[in-house]
Amino acid sequence: MNQIIENPFDYEEKPQWLVLKLREENRAKREKKLGRAVGKWGGHRPGAGRPKVRTYDFMVGISMTNVQKLTLLEMGKGDLADGVNALIKEYL
């Protein structure tokens, strides 16, 4: 009486070559429909597509008291930038 029912949502994965073939066919259909080339990156919503290359060359401002400034100067042996770098290295 007890029967084991197979899971109807258990699908086999498609082979990679078939997935790539279907993507290329869909891309060709879309290019024909739109009348222009369709790239490998991008989408309809803003921000979709190739990630932006970010450069990390920015300045940071620090507001500090006179005591903090003197402490950083002492840590940097007279140079405020070296003191900030020393403080960062100490706590990282």
C-alpha atoms as a PDB file:
ATOM      1  CA  MET A   1       0.000   0.000   0.000  1.00  0.00           C
ATOM      2  CA  ASN A   2       2.790   2.428   0.752  1.00  0.00           C
ATOM      3  CA  GLN A   3       4.208   3.675  -2.511  1.00  0.00           C
ATOM      4  CA  ILE A   4       7.195   5.947  -2.900  1.00  0.00           C
ATOM      5  CA  ILE A   5       6.367   8.809  -5.203  1.00  0.00           C
ATOM      6  CA  GLU A   6       9.223  10.288  -7.185  1.00  0.00           C
ATOM      7  CA  ASN A   7       9.886  13.950  -6.705  1.00  0.00           C
ATOM      8  CA  PRO A   8       8.401  15.705  -9.769  1.00  0.00           C
ATOM      9  CA  PHE A   9      10.752  18.686  -9.227  1.00  0.00           C
ATOM     10  CA  ASP A  10      13.921  16.607  -9.332  1.00  0.00           C
ATOM     11  CA  TYR A  11      15.334  17.429 -12.768  1.00  0.00           C
ATOM     12  CA  GLU A  12      18.612  16.345 -14.234  1.00  0.00           C
ATOM     13  CA  GLU A  13      20.969  19.195 -14.964  1.00  0.00           C
ATOM     14  CA  LYS A  14      21.551  20.038 -18.601  1.00  0.00           C
ATOM     15  CA  PRO A  15      25.050  19.404 -19.929  1.00  0.00           C
ATOM     16  CA  GLN A  16      27.231  22.488 -20.186  1.00  0.00           C
ATOM     17  CA  TRP A  17      27.531  22.261 -23.980  1.00  0.00           C
ATOM     18  CA  LEU A  18      23.738  22.294 -24.299  1.00  0.00           C
ATOM     19  CA  VAL A  19      23.403  25.315 -22.006  1.00  0.00           C
ATOM     20  CA  LEU A  20      25.963  27.250 -24.055  1.00  0.00           C
ATOM     21  CA  LYS A  21      24.287  26.235 -27.316  1.00  0.00           C
ATOM     22  CA  LEU A  22      20.876  27.408 -26.081  1.00  0.00           C
ATOM     23  CA  ARG A  23      22.360  30.720 -24.907  1.00  0.00           C
ATOM     24  CA  GLU A  24      23.880  31.358 -28.312  1.00  0.00           C
ATOM     25  CA  GLU A  25      20.616  30.483 -30.070  1.00  0.00           C
ATOM     26  CA  ASN A  26      18.653  32.816 -27.791  1.00  0.00           C
ATOM     27  CA  ARG A  27      21.224  35.571 -28.322  1.00  0.00           C
ATOM     28  CA  ALA A  28      20.927  35.168 -32.108  1.00  0.00           C
ATOM     29  CA  LYS A  29      17.125  35.347 -31.899  1.00  0.00           C
ATOM     30  CA  ARG A  30      17.333  38.476 -29.753  1.00  0.00           C
ATOM     31  CA  GLU A  31      19.816  40.127 -32.126  1.00  0.00           C
ATOM     32  CA  LYS A  32      17.477  39.446 -35.019  1.00  0.00           C
ATOM     33  CA  LYS A  33      14.495  40.817 -33.092  1.00  0.00           C
ATOM     34  CA  LEU A  34      16.289  43.977 -31.950  1.00  0.00           C
ATOM     35  CA  GLY A  35      18.176  44.539 -35.175  1.00  0.00           C
ATOM     36  CA  ARG A  36      21.465  45.154 -33.397  1.00  0.00           C
ATOM     37  CA  ALA A  37      24.277  43.233 -31.761  1.00  0.00           C
ATOM     38  CA  VAL A  38      23.647  41.955 -28.255  1.00  0.00           C
ATOM     39  CA  GLY A  39      26.659  41.831 -25.960  1.00  0.00           C
ATOM     40  CA  LYS A  40      27.517  39.212 -23.391  1.00  0.00           C
ATOM     41  CA  TRP A  41      27.065  41.681 -20.531  1.00  0.00           C
ATOM     42  CA  GLY A  42      24.113  43.802 -19.605  1.00  0.00           C
ATOM     43  CA  GLY A  43      20.433  43.796 -19.047  1.00  0.00           C
ATOM     44  CA  HIS A  44      17.410  46.053 -19.010  1.00  0.00           C
ATOM     45  CA  ARG A  45      17.692  47.496 -15.527  1.00  0.00           C
ATOM     46  CA  PRO A  46      20.168  50.269 -14.678  1.00  0.00           C
ATOM     47  CA  GLY A  47      23.363  48.983 -13.177  1.00  0.00           C
ATOM     48  CA  ALA A  48      23.147  45.633 -14.943  1.00  0.00           C
ATOM     49  CA  GLY A  49      26.158  44.634 -16.945  1.00  0.00           C
ATOM     50  CA  ARG A  50      29.871  44.658 -16.577  1.00  0.00           C
ATOM     51  CA  PRO A  51      30.960  45.745 -13.086  1.00  0.00           C
ATOM     52  CA  LYS A  52      32.664  49.110 -12.915  1.00  0.00           C
ATOM     53  CA  VAL A  53      36.378  49.154 -12.323  1.00  0.00           C
ATOM     54  CA  ARG A  54      36.899  51.128  -9.171  1.00  0.00           C
ATOM     55  CA  THR A  55      40.023  52.996  -8.269  1.00  0.00           C
ATOM     56  CA  TYR A  56      40.749  53.535  -4.623  1.00  0.00           C
ATOM     57  CA  ASP A  57      42.596  56.823  -4.692  1.00  0.00           C
ATOM     58  CA  PHE A  58      40.545  59.045  -2.434  1.00  0.00           C
ATOM     59  CA  MET A  59      41.257  61.421   0.392  1.00  0.00           C
ATOM     60  CA  VAL A  60      39.828  61.069   3.886  1.00  0.00           C
ATOM     61  CA  GLY A  61      39.380  63.968   6.244  1.00  0.00           C
ATOM     62  CA  ILE A  62      39.831  63.544   9.991  1.00  0.00           C
ATOM     63  CA  SER A  63      38.586  65.978  12.604  1.00  0.00           C
ATOM     64  CA  MET A  64      40.535  65.556  15.820  1.00  0.00           C
ATOM     65  CA  THR A  65      41.401  67.343  19.019  1.00  0.00           C
ATOM     66  CA  ASN A  66      44.799  68.794  19.786  1.00  0.00           C
ATOM     67  CA  VAL A  67      45.674  65.864  22.063  1.00  0.00           C
ATOM     68  CA  GLN A  68      44.846  63.374  19.299  1.00  0.00           C
ATOM     69  CA  LYS A  69      46.920  65.377  16.845  1.00  0.00           C
ATOM     70  CA  LEU A  70      49.910  65.408  19.190  1.00  0.00           C
ATOM     71  CA  THR A  71      49.556  61.655  19.764  1.00  0.00           C
ATOM     72  CA  LEU A  72      49.575  60.981  16.025  1.00  0.00           C
ATOM     73  CA  LEU A  73      52.568  63.276  15.555  1.00  0.00           C
ATOM     74  CA  GLU A  74      54.368  61.328  18.271  1.00  0.00           C
ATOM     75  CA  MET A  75      53.472  57.983  16.666  1.00  0.00           C
ATOM     76  CA  GLY A  76      54.670  59.242  13.276  1.00  0.00           C
ATOM     77  CA  LYS A  77      57.864  60.805  14.670  1.00  0.00           C
ATOM     78  CA  GLY A  78      56.805  64.301  13.588  1.00  0.00           C
ATOM     79  CA  ASP A  79      54.827  63.366  10.475  1.00  0.00           C
ATOM     80  CA  LEU A  80      51.038  63.292  10.795  1.00  0.00           C
ATOM     81  CA  ALA A  81      50.514  60.971   7.794  1.00  0.00           C
ATOM     82  CA  ASP A  82      52.992  58.450   9.173  1.00  0.00           C
ATOM     83  CA  GLY A  83      51.222  58.638  12.533  1.00  0.00           C
ATOM     84  CA  VAL A  84      47.869  57.816  10.929  1.00  0.00           C
ATOM     85  CA  ASN A  85      49.451  54.915   9.032  1.00  0.00           C
ATOM     86  CA  ALA A  86      51.063  53.632  12.240  1.00  0.00           C
ATOM     87  CA  LEU A  87      47.720  53.821  14.044  1.00  0.00           C
ATOM     88  CA  ILE A  88      45.988  51.914  11.264  1.00  0.00           C
ATOM     89  CA  LYS A  89      48.701  49.232  11.198  1.00  0.00           C
ATOM     90  CA  GLU A  90      48.510  48.906  14.978  1.00  0.00           C
ATOM     91  CA  TYR A  91      44.793  48.117  14.963  1.00  0.00           C
ATOM     92  CA  LEU A  92      44.701  45.979  11.835  1.00  0.00           C
END
